[in-house]
Protein backbone atom coordinates (compact mmCIF):
# COMPACT_ATOMS: atom_id res chain seq x y z
CA UNK A 1 -21.20 -5.61 -5.07
CA UNK A 2 -20.72 -5.00 -1.29
CA UNK A 3 -17.08 -4.78 -1.80
CA UNK A 4 -17.39 -2.00 -4.36
CA UNK A 5 -19.75 -0.13 -2.15
CA UNK A 6 -17.16 -0.34 0.77
CA UNK A 7 -14.53 1.01 -1.37
CA UNK A 8 -16.56 3.64 -2.68
CA UNK A 9 -17.65 4.96 0.74
CA UNK A 10 -14.14 4.85 1.94
CA UNK A 11 -12.61 6.57 -0.99
CA UNK A 12 -15.29 9.29 -0.79
CA UNK A 13 -14.49 9.65 2.91
CA UNK A 14 -10.97 10.25 2.08
CA UNK A 15 -11.71 12.87 -0.52
CA UNK A 16 -14.22 14.63 1.80
CA UNK A 17 -11.74 14.53 4.63
CA UNK A 18 -8.87 16.13 2.70
CA UNK A 19 -10.95 18.99 1.46
CA UNK A 20 -12.68 19.61 4.85
CA UNK A 21 -10.68 18.51 7.69
CA UNK A 22 -7.22 18.78 6.12
CA UNK A 23 -7.86 22.24 4.73
CA UNK A 24 -9.30 23.20 8.24
CA UNK A 25 -6.16 22.29 9.96
CA UNK A 26 -4.01 24.08 7.10
CA UNK A 27 -5.82 27.36 7.41
CA UNK A 28 -7.19 27.50 11.01
CA UNK A 29 -4.92 25.40 13.11
CA UNK A 30 -1.41 25.61 11.53
CA UNK A 31 -2.16 28.67 9.48
CA UNK A 32 0.01 27.84 6.43
CA UNK A 33 1.60 31.03 4.84
CA UNK A 34 3.52 30.95 1.60
CA UNK A 35 5.21 34.33 2.51
CA UNK A 36 6.90 32.36 5.33
CA UNK A 37 10.47 31.37 4.39
CA UNK A 38 10.96 27.57 4.22
CA UNK A 39 14.07 25.56 4.94
CA UNK A 40 14.60 24.33 1.32
CA UNK A 41 14.98 28.02 0.29
CA UNK A 42 16.63 29.43 3.29
CA UNK A 43 19.42 26.81 3.51
CA UNK A 44 19.30 25.23 0.04
CA UNK A 45 22.71 23.28 0.17
CA UNK A 46 22.16 21.27 -2.97
CA UNK A 47 22.61 17.96 -0.96
CA UNK A 48 19.68 17.64 1.49
CA UNK A 49 18.05 21.17 1.25
CA UNK A 50 16.60 21.31 -2.21
CA UNK A 51 13.33 23.29 -3.18
CA UNK A 52 11.26 20.55 -5.25
CA UNK A 53 8.04 20.69 -7.04
CA UNK A 54 4.99 19.46 -5.17
CA UNK A 55 4.39 16.32 -7.14
CA UNK A 56 8.12 15.25 -6.96
CA UNK A 57 8.27 15.59 -3.10
CA UNK A 58 4.94 13.91 -2.72
CA UNK A 59 6.37 10.91 -4.47
CA UNK A 60 9.54 10.96 -2.41
CA UNK A 61 7.62 11.30 0.87
CA UNK A 62 4.84 8.77 0.04
CA UNK A 63 7.21 6.07 -1.04
CA UNK A 64 9.39 6.64 2.03
CA UNK A 65 6.53 6.10 4.54
CA UNK A 66 4.77 3.37 2.69
CA UNK A 67 7.07 0.44 2.92
CA UNK A 68 5.74 -2.93 3.68
CA UNK A 69 3.82 -1.77 6.59
CA UNK A 70 0.50 -0.90 4.88
CA UNK A 71 0.75 -4.32 3.09
CA UNK A 72 1.76 -6.52 6.02
CA UNK A 73 -0.09 -4.95 8.71
CA UNK A 74 -3.72 -5.14 7.27
CA UNK A 75 -2.84 -8.62 5.92
CA UNK A 76 -2.42 -9.69 9.56
CA UNK A 77 -4.92 -7.30 11.08
CA UNK A 78 -8.00 -8.80 9.30
CA UNK A 79 -7.80 -11.84 11.53
CA UNK A 80 -10.07 -9.86 13.89
CA UNK A 81 -12.54 -9.23 11.15
CA UNK A 82 -12.82 -6.75 8.23
CA UNK A 83 -15.01 -4.26 10.08
CA UNK A 84 -12.51 -3.21 12.87
CA UNK A 85 -9.64 -3.18 10.42
CA UNK A 86 -11.50 -0.87 7.88
CA UNK A 87 -12.73 1.51 10.66
CA UNK A 88 -9.30 1.76 12.24
CA UNK A 89 -7.77 2.46 8.75
CA UNK A 90 -10.34 4.83 7.65
CA UNK A 91 -10.86 6.89 10.83
CA UNK A 92 -7.32 6.38 12.13
CA UNK A 93 -5.62 7.69 9.04
CA UNK A 94 -7.99 10.73 8.84
CA UNK A 95 -8.05 12.02 12.50
CA UNK A 96 -4.79 10.51 13.70
CA UNK A 97 -2.15 9.54 11.13
CA UNK A 98 -2.66 12.44 8.69
CA UNK A 99 -2.72 14.93 11.68
CA UNK A 100 0.47 13.22 12.92
CA UNK A 101 2.43 13.43 9.65
CA UNK A 102 1.16 16.90 8.59
CA UNK A 103 1.81 18.34 12.09
CA UNK A 104 5.30 16.87 12.27
CA UNK A 105 6.19 18.17 8.83
CA UNK A 106 4.88 21.67 9.64
CA UNK A 107 6.67 21.81 12.97
CA UNK A 108 10.02 20.66 11.35
CA UNK A 109 9.68 23.10 8.63
CA UNK A 110 9.23 25.97 11.04
CA UNK A 111 12.36 24.92 12.85
CA UNK A 112 14.89 24.70 9.89
CA UNK A 113 13.83 21.15 8.77
CA UNK A 114 15.39 19.87 11.97
CA UNK A 115 14.24 16.44 13.64
CA UNK A 116 11.34 15.75 15.92
CA UNK A 117 14.13 15.18 18.54
CA UNK A 118 15.37 18.77 18.16
CA UNK A 119 11.70 20.09 18.31
CA UNK A 120 11.20 18.04 21.63
CA UNK A 121 14.09 19.81 23.12
CA UNK A 122 12.73 23.18 21.97
CA UNK A 123 8.94 22.77 23.03
CA UNK A 124 9.53 20.44 26.13
CA UNK A 125 13.02 20.99 27.47
CA UNK A 126 16.66 19.98 26.58
CA UNK A 127 16.65 17.11 28.83
CA UNK A 128 14.26 15.10 26.71
CA UNK A 129 16.41 15.70 23.60
CA UNK A 130 18.62 12.60 24.27
CA UNK A 131 15.73 10.50 25.36
CA UNK A 132 14.03 11.27 21.98
CA UNK A 133 17.33 10.53 20.12
CA UNK A 134 17.66 7.30 21.89
CA UNK A 135 14.13 6.11 20.92
CA UNK A 136 14.54 7.35 17.34
CA UNK A 137 18.01 5.78 16.98
CA UNK A 138 16.79 2.37 18.26
CA UNK A 139 13.83 2.59 15.82
CA UNK A 140 15.82 3.30 12.79
CA UNK A 141 18.49 0.84 13.84
CA UNK A 142 15.89 -1.91 13.85
CA UNK A 143 14.35 -0.63 10.60
CA UNK A 144 17.49 -0.43 8.65
CA UNK A 145 18.71 -3.88 9.88
CA UNK A 146 15.34 -5.61 9.37
CA UNK A 147 14.52 -4.15 6.05
CA UNK A 148 17.90 -5.56 4.64
CA UNK A 149 16.49 -8.94 5.64
CA UNK A 150 12.95 -8.20 4.43
CA UNK A 151 14.12 -7.12 0.89
CA UNK A 152 16.42 -10.25 0.69
CA UNK A 153 13.36 -12.36 1.49
CA UNK A 154 11.42 -10.76 -1.04
CA UNK A 155 14.00 -11.40 -3.72
CA UNK A 156 14.21 -14.91 -2.65
CA UNK A 157 10.35 -15.11 -2.82
CA UNK A 158 10.00 -13.15 -6.15
CA UNK A 159 13.34 -13.69 -8.07
CA UNK A 160 11.70 -12.01 -11.00
CA UNK A 161 11.80 -8.66 -9.01
CA UNK A 162 15.70 -8.47 -8.74
CA UNK A 163 16.43 -6.97 -12.15
CA UNK A 164 13.76 -4.40 -12.12
CA UNK A 165 14.53 -3.20 -8.59
CA UNK A 166 18.08 -2.82 -9.20
CA UNK A 167 17.79 -1.23 -12.56
CA UNK A 168 15.48 1.36 -11.04
CA UNK A 169 18.69 3.00 -9.82
CA UNK A 170 20.32 3.88 -13.21
CA UNK A 171 16.77 4.96 -14.40
CA UNK A 172 16.48 7.32 -11.48
CA UNK A 173 19.93 8.74 -11.82
CA UNK A 174 19.24 9.58 -15.42
CA UNK A 175 15.74 11.02 -14.57
CA UNK A 176 17.34 13.17 -11.78
CA UNK A 177 20.00 14.51 -14.20
CA UNK A 178 17.48 15.19 -16.93
CA UNK A 179 15.22 17.18 -14.75
CA UNK A 180 17.79 19.20 -12.52
CA UNK A 181 20.92 19.48 -14.65
CA UNK A 182 19.54 19.39 -18.18
CA UNK A 183 16.10 21.23 -17.70
CA UNK A 184 14.10 18.62 -19.40
CA UNK A 185 10.36 18.51 -19.28
CA UNK A 186 9.22 16.88 -15.98
CA UNK A 187 6.14 15.17 -17.58
CA UNK A 188 7.97 13.70 -20.58
CA UNK A 189 10.96 12.63 -18.46
CA UNK A 190 8.50 10.88 -16.02
CA UNK A 191 6.73 9.04 -18.83
CA UNK A 192 10.09 7.81 -20.22
CA UNK A 193 11.42 6.77 -16.90
CA UNK A 194 8.09 4.77 -16.07
CA UNK A 195 8.10 3.09 -19.42
CA UNK A 196 11.72 2.15 -18.94
CA UNK A 197 10.92 0.84 -15.49
CA UNK A 198 8.08 -1.45 -16.77
CA UNK A 199 10.31 -2.69 -19.58
CA UNK A 200 12.80 -3.73 -16.77
CA UNK A 201 9.77 -5.61 -15.21
CA UNK A 202 9.12 -7.53 -18.34
CA UNK A 203 12.90 -8.29 -18.56
CA UNK A 204 12.90 -9.46 -15.02
CA UNK A 205 10.02 -11.88 -15.63
CA UNK A 206 12.28 -13.72 -18.26
CA UNK A 207 15.42 -13.46 -16.21
CA UNK A 208 14.88 -14.31 -12.55
CA UNK A 209 17.97 -13.98 -10.48
CA UNK A 210 19.03 -16.05 -7.28
CA UNK A 211 22.37 -15.45 -5.85
CA UNK A 212 24.35 -18.30 -4.28
CA UNK A 213 26.04 -18.31 -0.92
CA UNK A 214 29.52 -16.48 -1.08
CA UNK A 215 32.48 -17.46 1.09
CA UNK A 216 30.29 -19.33 3.50
CA UNK A 217 27.74 -16.42 3.67
CA UNK A 218 24.21 -17.50 2.70
CA UNK A 219 22.33 -15.54 0.00
CA UNK A 220 20.28 -13.68 2.60
CA UNK A 221 23.52 -12.28 4.26
CA UNK A 222 25.00 -11.45 0.77
CA UNK A 223 21.78 -9.45 -0.08
CA UNK A 224 22.03 -7.55 3.18
CA UNK A 225 25.61 -6.47 2.56
CA UNK A 226 24.85 -5.36 -0.95
CA UNK A 227 21.79 -3.50 0.21
CA UNK A 228 23.68 -1.68 3.11
CA UNK A 229 26.38 -0.75 0.64
CA UNK A 230 23.73 0.64 -1.80
CA UNK A 231 22.08 2.52 1.25
CA UNK A 232 25.35 4.14 2.25
CA UNK A 233 25.94 5.43 -1.36
CA UNK A 234 22.36 6.63 -1.67
CA UNK A 235 22.47 8.44 1.74
CA UNK A 236 25.53 10.34 0.95
CA UNK A 237 24.63 11.47 -2.59
CA UNK A 238 22.77 14.67 -3.01
CA UNK A 239 18.92 13.94 -2.63
CA UNK A 240 18.27 14.90 -6.28
CA UNK A 241 20.74 12.50 -7.72
CA UNK A 242 19.17 9.19 -6.63
CA UNK A 243 16.89 9.21 -3.56
CA UNK A 244 14.22 11.66 -4.66
CA UNK A 245 13.91 10.62 -8.37
CA UNK A 246 13.88 6.83 -7.45
CA UNK A 247 11.16 7.54 -4.90
CA UNK A 248 9.36 9.58 -7.42
CA UNK A 249 9.16 6.86 -10.24
CA UNK A 250 8.39 4.33 -7.47
CA UNK A 251 5.29 6.57 -6.67
CA UNK A 252 4.19 6.35 -10.28
CA UNK A 253 4.54 2.52 -9.96
CA UNK A 254 2.29 2.79 -6.92
CA UNK A 255 -0.36 4.75 -8.76
CA UNK A 256 -0.41 2.21 -11.58
CA UNK A 257 -0.56 -0.71 -9.15
CA UNK A 258 -3.53 1.01 -7.20
CA UNK A 259 -5.20 1.72 -10.58
CA UNK A 260 -4.81 -1.96 -11.70
CA UNK A 261 -6.31 -3.15 -8.30
CA UNK A 262 -9.23 -0.78 -8.39
CA UNK A 263 -9.89 -1.72 -12.06
CA UNK A 264 -9.72 -5.46 -10.92
CA UNK A 265 -12.12 -4.80 -8.10
CA UNK A 266 -14.54 -3.00 -10.36
CA UNK A 267 -14.53 -5.72 -13.12
CA UNK A 268 -14.59 -8.44 -10.42
CA UNK A 269 -17.57 -6.72 -8.85
CA UNK A 270 -19.55 -6.72 -12.11
CA UNK A 271 -18.29 -10.10 -13.47
CA UNK A 272 -18.09 -12.44 -10.49
CA UNK A 273 -19.47 -12.95 -6.99
CA UNK A 274 -16.91 -10.52 -5.68
CA UNK A 275 -17.99 -10.70 -1.84
CA UNK A 276 -16.00 -10.30 1.16
CA UNK A 277 -15.09 -13.74 2.48
CA UNK A 278 -13.61 -12.75 5.78
CA UNK A 279 -16.10 -12.41 8.72
CA UNK A 280 -17.27 -8.84 9.69
CA UNK A 281 -16.09 -9.47 13.18
CA UNK A 282 -14.17 -12.77 13.89
CA UNK A 283 -15.15 -14.35 17.14
CA UNK A 284 -13.44 -17.53 16.38
CA UNK A 285 -9.72 -16.46 16.03
CA UNK A 286 -6.90 -18.83 16.29
CA UNK A 287 -5.75 -19.74 19.70
CA UNK A 288 -2.24 -17.77 19.53
CA UNK A 289 -4.06 -14.58 18.13
CA UNK A 290 -3.30 -11.69 20.58
CA UNK A 291 -6.41 -9.60 21.85
CA UNK A 292 -7.99 -7.13 19.46
CA UNK A 293 -7.54 -4.36 22.03
CA UNK A 294 -4.80 -2.99 22.06
CA UNK A 295 -2.80 -5.14 19.52
CA UNK A 296 -4.80 -4.37 16.31
CA UNK A 297 -4.00 -0.77 16.71
CA UNK A 298 -0.35 -1.61 16.91
CA UNK A 299 -0.30 -4.23 14.12
CA UNK A 300 -2.20 -2.14 11.52
CA UNK A 301 0.18 0.78 11.93
CA UNK A 302 1.23 2.38 8.72
CA UNK A 303 -2.28 2.17 7.22
CA UNK A 304 -3.66 4.29 10.07
CA UNK A 305 -0.76 6.04 12.00
CA UNK A 306 2.90 5.23 12.35
CA UNK A 307 5.77 6.83 14.30
CA UNK A 308 8.25 6.21 11.65
CA UNK A 309 6.27 8.76 9.40
CA UNK A 310 7.34 11.47 11.94
CA UNK A 311 10.90 10.69 11.13
CA UNK A 312 10.41 11.19 7.42
CA UNK A 313 8.31 14.26 7.96
CA UNK A 314 10.88 15.93 10.04
CA UNK A 315 13.78 14.36 8.26
CA UNK A 316 13.96 14.34 4.44
CA UNK A 317 10.66 15.80 3.44
CA UNK A 318 10.72 19.27 5.24
CA UNK A 319 14.06 19.96 3.54
CA UNK A 320 12.60 19.82 0.13
CA UNK A 321 9.07 21.33 0.36
CA UNK A 322 9.34 24.74 -1.57
CA UNK A 323 6.34 26.48 -0.07
CA UNK A 324 4.27 25.97 3.05
CA UNK A 325 0.94 25.26 1.32
CA UNK A 326 2.53 22.13 -0.34
CA UNK A 327 2.75 20.66 3.18
CA UNK A 328 -0.91 19.87 3.22
CA UNK A 329 -0.78 17.69 0.19
CA UNK A 330 2.63 16.05 1.12
CA UNK A 331 1.92 15.43 4.72
CA UNK A 332 -1.83 15.02 5.04
CA UNK A 333 -2.51 13.71 1.49
CA UNK A 334 0.15 11.10 1.43
CA UNK A 335 -1.17 9.56 4.61
CA UNK A 336 -4.64 9.35 3.25
CA UNK A 337 -3.13 7.71 0.10
CA UNK A 338 -1.44 5.23 2.32
CA UNK A 339 -4.88 4.56 3.93
CA UNK A 340 -6.27 3.79 0.47
CA UNK A 341 -3.49 1.25 -0.08
CA UNK A 342 -4.21 -0.25 3.29
CA UNK A 343 -7.89 -0.70 2.23
CA UNK A 344 -7.02 -2.26 -1.00
CA UNK A 345 -5.01 -4.72 0.84
CA UNK A 346 -7.99 -5.52 3.10
CA UNK A 347 -9.95 -6.16 -0.16
CA UNK A 348 -7.16 -8.36 -1.54
CA UNK A 349 -6.88 -10.61 1.64
CA UNK A 350 -10.76 -10.73 2.10
CA UNK A 351 -12.65 -10.66 -1.29
CA UNK A 352 -9.60 -11.21 -3.63
CA UNK A 353 -8.41 -14.36 -1.78
CA UNK A 354 -11.99 -15.62 -1.91
CA UNK A 355 -11.95 -15.68 -5.75
CA UNK A 356 -9.79 -18.70 -5.88
CA UNK A 357 -7.32 -20.45 -3.74
CA UNK A 358 -5.53 -23.66 -4.70
CA UNK A 359 -4.91 -26.19 -1.97
CA UNK A 360 -3.48 -29.52 -2.97
CA UNK A 361 -4.83 -29.31 -6.44
CA UNK A 362 -8.26 -28.26 -5.18
CA UNK A 363 -9.69 -24.94 -5.84
CA UNK A 364 -11.30 -23.30 -2.78
CA UNK A 365 -13.51 -20.15 -3.00
CA UNK A 366 -15.47 -17.77 -0.72
CA UNK A 367 -15.12 -18.30 3.12
CA UNK A 368 -13.70 -21.82 2.68
CA UNK A 369 -10.63 -20.10 0.93
CA UNK A 370 -10.38 -17.46 3.55
CA UNK A 371 -10.72 -19.85 6.43
CA UNK A 372 -7.99 -22.04 4.83
CA UNK A 373 -5.53 -19.10 4.52
CA UNK A 374 -6.37 -17.73 8.03
CA UNK A 375 -6.75 -21.01 9.91
CA UNK A 376 -3.65 -19.97 12.08
CA UNK A 377 -2.38 -16.66 13.08
CA UNK A 378 -0.05 -15.50 10.38
CA UNK A 379 1.37 -12.75 12.27
CA UNK A 380 3.58 -15.27 14.06
CA UNK A 381 4.79 -16.71 10.74
CA UNK A 382 7.40 -15.83 8.35
CA UNK A 383 7.25 -13.10 5.73
CA UNK A 384 6.12 -15.51 2.94
CA UNK A 385 2.91 -16.37 4.93
CA UNK A 386 2.22 -12.74 5.57
CA UNK A 387 2.58 -11.65 1.89
CA UNK A 388 0.94 -14.74 0.20
CA UNK A 389 -2.70 -13.67 0.77
CA UNK A 390 -1.92 -10.21 -0.45
CA UNK A 391 -0.15 -11.49 -3.68
CA UNK A 392 -2.83 -14.18 -4.35
CA UNK A 393 -5.68 -11.91 -3.79
CA UNK A 394 -4.20 -9.11 -5.91
CA UNK A 395 -3.40 -11.61 -8.71
CA UNK A 396 -6.91 -12.88 -8.59
CA UNK A 397 -8.38 -9.37 -8.95
CA UNK A 398 -5.92 -8.32 -11.84
CA UNK A 399 -6.79 -11.56 -13.48
CA UNK A 400 -10.37 -10.25 -14.05
CA UNK A 401 -8.89 -7.49 -16.28
CA UNK A 402 -6.87 -10.04 -18.44
CA UNK A 403 -3.51 -9.90 -16.54
CA UNK A 404 -2.21 -13.49 -16.26
CA UNK A 405 -1.63 -14.72 -12.69
CA UNK A 406 2.28 -15.01 -13.28
CA UNK A 407 2.38 -11.32 -14.48
CA UNK A 408 0.35 -10.24 -11.55
CA UNK A 409 2.64 -12.08 -9.11
CA UNK A 410 5.57 -10.42 -10.68
CA UNK A 411 3.98 -6.89 -10.59
CA UNK A 412 3.23 -7.34 -6.90
CA UNK A 413 6.66 -8.75 -6.12
CA UNK A 414 8.45 -5.71 -7.75
CA UNK A 415 5.88 -3.43 -6.08
CA UNK A 416 6.80 -4.75 -2.52
CA UNK A 417 10.51 -5.04 -3.06
CA UNK A 418 10.65 -1.47 -4.50
CA UNK A 419 8.73 0.02 -1.60
CA UNK A 420 10.85 -1.87 0.93
CA UNK A 421 14.04 -0.64 -0.83
CA UNK A 422 13.04 3.11 -0.68
CA UNK A 423 12.14 2.90 2.93
CA UNK A 424 15.55 1.31 3.54
CA UNK A 425 17.66 4.04 1.86
CA UNK A 426 15.51 6.89 3.33
CA UNK A 427 16.09 5.21 6.81
CA UNK A 428 19.84 5.34 6.40
CA UNK A 429 19.58 9.04 5.40
CA UNK A 430 17.34 9.72 8.53
CA UNK A 431 19.87 7.91 10.75
CA UNK A 432 22.55 10.12 9.26
CA UNK A 433 20.52 13.13 10.27
CA UNK A 434 20.14 11.81 13.80
CA UNK A 435 23.90 10.94 14.15
CA UNK A 436 24.78 14.31 12.79
CA UNK A 437 22.56 16.34 15.10
CA UNK A 438 24.07 14.42 18.07
CA UNK A 439 27.44 15.15 16.86
CA UNK A 440 26.61 18.75 16.75
CA UNK A 441 25.28 18.83 20.21
CA UNK A 442 28.24 16.97 21.64
CA UNK A 443 30.61 19.10 19.52
CA UNK A 444 32.18 15.97 17.61
CA UNK A 445 33.36 17.79 14.55
CA UNK A 446 34.46 14.89 12.50
CA UNK A 447 31.09 13.00 13.00
CA UNK A 448 29.15 15.73 11.54
CA UNK A 449 30.09 15.15 7.90
CA UNK A 450 27.79 13.00 5.98
CA UNK A 451 30.19 10.37 5.22
CA UNK A 452 31.18 9.62 8.71
CA UNK A 453 27.57 9.94 9.97
CA UNK A 454 26.35 7.55 7.30
CA UNK A 455 29.17 5.10 7.98
CA UNK A 456 28.07 4.82 11.72
CA UNK A 457 24.46 4.53 10.69
CA UNK A 458 25.24 1.58 8.25
CA UNK A 459 27.89 -0.19 10.50
CA UNK A 460 25.60 -0.11 13.49
CA UNK A 461 22.78 -1.76 11.42
CA UNK A 462 25.37 -4.25 10.07
CA UNK A 463 26.42 -5.16 13.55
CA UNK A 464 22.91 -5.81 14.56
CA UNK A 465 21.95 -7.69 11.44
CA UNK A 466 24.98 -10.08 11.64
CA UNK A 467 25.03 -10.26 15.54
CA UNK A 468 23.78 -13.96 15.42
CA UNK A 469 25.33 -15.24 12.35
CA UNK A 470 26.16 -14.73 8.68
CA UNK A 471 22.47 -14.89 7.57
CA UNK A 472 22.19 -11.19 8.39
CA UNK A 473 18.89 -11.97 10.33
CA UNK A 474 20.13 -10.63 13.86
CA UNK A 475 17.74 -7.68 13.97
CA UNK A 476 14.72 -10.11 13.97
CA UNK A 477 15.47 -10.77 17.58
CA UNK A 478 14.46 -7.25 18.35
CA UNK A 479 11.76 -7.02 15.96
CA UNK A 480 9.01 -7.82 18.54
CA UNK A 481 9.72 -4.51 19.99
CA UNK A 482 9.19 -2.48 16.84
CA UNK A 483 5.42 -2.50 16.67
CA UNK A 484 4.84 -0.90 20.10
CA UNK A 485 7.97 1.27 19.98
CA UNK A 486 6.98 2.63 16.74
CA UNK A 487 3.40 3.55 17.81
CA UNK A 488 4.98 4.96 21.07
CA UNK A 489 7.09 7.24 18.86
CA UNK A 490 3.85 8.37 17.05
CA UNK A 491 2.34 9.22 20.43
CA UNK A 492 5.53 11.23 21.31
CA UNK A 493 5.53 13.10 18.05
CA UNK A 494 1.84 13.93 18.55
CA UNK A 495 2.93 15.17 21.95
CA UNK A 496 5.48 17.60 20.50
CA UNK A 497 2.95 18.78 17.91
CA UNK A 498 0.48 19.37 20.81
CA UNK A 499 2.89 21.56 22.74
CA UNK A 500 3.83 23.47 19.58
CA UNK A 501 0.11 24.33 19.02
CA UNK A 502 -0.06 25.16 22.68
CA UNK A 503 2.29 28.06 22.28
CA UNK A 504 -0.04 29.45 19.65
CA UNK A 505 -2.73 30.12 22.14
CA UNK A 506 -6.21 29.21 22.15
CA UNK A 507 -7.45 25.59 21.85
CA UNK A 508 -5.81 24.61 18.70
CA UNK A 509 -3.70 22.04 20.55
CA UNK A 510 -6.88 19.83 21.12
CA UNK A 511 -6.64 18.48 17.49
CA UNK A 512 -3.34 16.97 18.21
CA UNK A 513 -3.83 16.21 21.85
CA UNK A 514 -6.86 13.69 21.56
CA UNK A 515 -4.99 11.40 19.19
CA UNK A 516 -2.02 11.62 21.43
CA UNK A 517 -3.78 10.58 24.42
CA UNK A 518 -5.42 7.77 22.50
CA UNK A 519 -2.04 6.60 21.15
CA UNK A 520 -0.25 6.90 24.55
CA UNK A 521 -3.07 4.60 26.20
CA UNK A 522 -3.12 2.17 23.33
CA UNK A 523 0.85 1.68 22.97
CA UNK A 524 1.66 1.68 26.70
CA UNK A 525 -1.03 -0.90 27.28
CA UNK A 526 0.57 -2.98 24.35
CA UNK A 527 4.04 -2.57 25.87
CA UNK A 528 3.11 -3.81 29.26
CA UNK A 529 1.28 -6.80 27.89
CA UNK A 530 4.44 -7.46 25.58
CA UNK A 531 6.68 -7.04 28.74
CA UNK A 532 4.67 -9.80 30.50
CA UNK A 533 4.85 -12.01 27.57
CA UNK A 534 8.59 -11.47 27.12
CA UNK A 535 9.08 -12.36 30.89
CA UNK A 536 6.77 -15.46 30.55
CA UNK A 537 8.79 -16.63 27.63
CA UNK A 538 12.24 -15.95 29.51
CA UNK A 539 13.36 -13.45 26.89
CA UNK A 540 15.57 -11.19 29.09
CA UNK A 541 16.90 -9.03 26.15
CA UNK A 542 13.40 -7.96 25.01
CA UNK A 543 12.39 -7.40 28.73
CA UNK A 544 15.37 -5.13 29.40
CA UNK A 545 15.32 -3.10 26.15
CA UNK A 546 11.49 -2.91 26.08
CA UNK A 547 11.39 -1.81 29.61
CA UNK A 548 14.03 0.72 29.02
CA UNK A 549 11.99 2.34 26.08
CA UNK A 550 8.83 2.26 28.21
CA UNK A 551 10.58 4.21 31.00
CA UNK A 552 12.27 6.71 28.78
CA UNK A 553 8.77 7.43 27.00
CA UNK A 554 7.15 7.81 30.36
CA UNK A 555 9.87 10.28 31.34
CA UNK A 556 9.23 12.36 28.28
CA UNK A 557 5.50 12.18 28.75
CA UNK A 558 5.84 13.39 32.50
CA UNK A 559 8.15 16.26 31.25
CA UNK A 560 5.67 17.21 28.64
CA UNK A 561 2.67 17.22 31.05
CA UNK A 562 4.53 19.56 33.30
CA UNK A 563 5.17 22.00 30.29
CA UNK A 564 1.72 21.44 29.10
CA UNK A 565 0.17 22.61 32.50
CA UNK A 566 2.05 25.97 32.42
CA UNK A 567 0.29 29.12 31.27
CA UNK A 568 0.47 29.38 27.58
CA UNK A 569 2.36 32.79 27.73
CA UNK A 570 5.00 31.28 30.05
CA UNK A 571 5.37 28.33 27.62
CA UNK A 572 5.56 30.44 24.66
CA UNK A 573 8.46 32.54 26.17
CA UNK A 574 10.41 29.56 27.06
CA UNK A 575 10.02 27.81 23.79
CA UNK A 576 10.37 30.92 21.66
CA UNK A 577 8.61 29.06 18.71
CA UNK A 578 8.69 30.44 15.18
């Protein structure tokens, strides 16, 4: 019952936060105005800028930001105990992550849907534009290359997910055509698409697919190649053809999965001893576990705050929101729902895993099961070890409502692979925007078209993926940089939002400045500790790249501090904000 009380309190907290703090930010701080012209209507090119219904763009935005981050991060972060993890997910998402996402979305919408890098040039100075571009390009490069490997690994772990994930593509295309070309009813079309998607999940459970090596390229490398080809196609098509409808039906998959998990938690709470098996605060962590401060705030990223979200909020989403008031639901609301997902993952890996864990033919329960699963620091292990407690815990919880363990495992496998896939194709489109904006700044005409920009985005990611062999796992070399670089990007995005609000006069900026300062301290602290660790391990490449990112971020921070210290009137005249 304690688990249900925890969930009820947190869910109620999110509802109250949206209707109080979120609406306060919308009305008093950002002053949303539906009379203001938005980029989707002003530009409306039918490719990237397309006015979309609030529910549809919410689905796209949510599934783009909620990849494997809110699943893997909490599964690792619970090693320090469930209380610090829950507090960071709850309070972080309300006062930091949602402000970061919402603010980035509004600032971009008021600047023709342009990226956070362009906003930095406007509200700080033109020198920092290229620094931002460098950090953003590196972040997206790693995400694209690594997520290809992540999805390939998920397909290997859950071969039943291959058919459902790939057949989502024709389902999404038909849905997009029905709604946008044929004027079909959105609700009826959605229901038909979701039913078709779940029929594919049933088919996948009977027909698992494992691909062999091809011409000396192992299966992981083959999957990476196929996924990058798909991402190139998805990025160049009009957003309403594939990207948006696929994200939308995946959002419904999430809603159904969340409903099943919540129902499983409720039934388990009333029918079993559904207690939290993890310690409240774990004082006996495995030896290789890093310190809670600052690393928990970097590892549990997407469930609380993530810099990657600012790229979506200033990339695809602002080009589709059809009126300003929708940005509260899309930006602030989707971050809170991601917090809900992260909290349910915490329940899966604490109470769910304690329901039953089979080890060498013996069934462990309670704290014995949790201790067995977390006897070592899973953050240093492969994807299988990080996903295992989530999938097993979720299957146990779904079992309480009559869903067989095999079916529950398949549902979670499709769920994880689908979300990773939507993050991949969105990331390629975002990288295309970055390349296109750079081409415009440098007046490289041929690189501004979407086919050339997408090709550069995909080819650079492929080069990184296959840099150390045919397995396509080259980006894993740089993956240790991603956590701190991602959170540093969140701090820099909050810095841009702070300076935007500074131009509006008064003390509005304080609501972005406080989380900005916190994230700057935490992430720079983590980066310094990582640099020391990389140096001790003799990893020169990570030392050099990590040090470069650190110096560039420090440069942006100093430049922003100089601008911030000007008089508001002087800053406003130099920025000429909208």
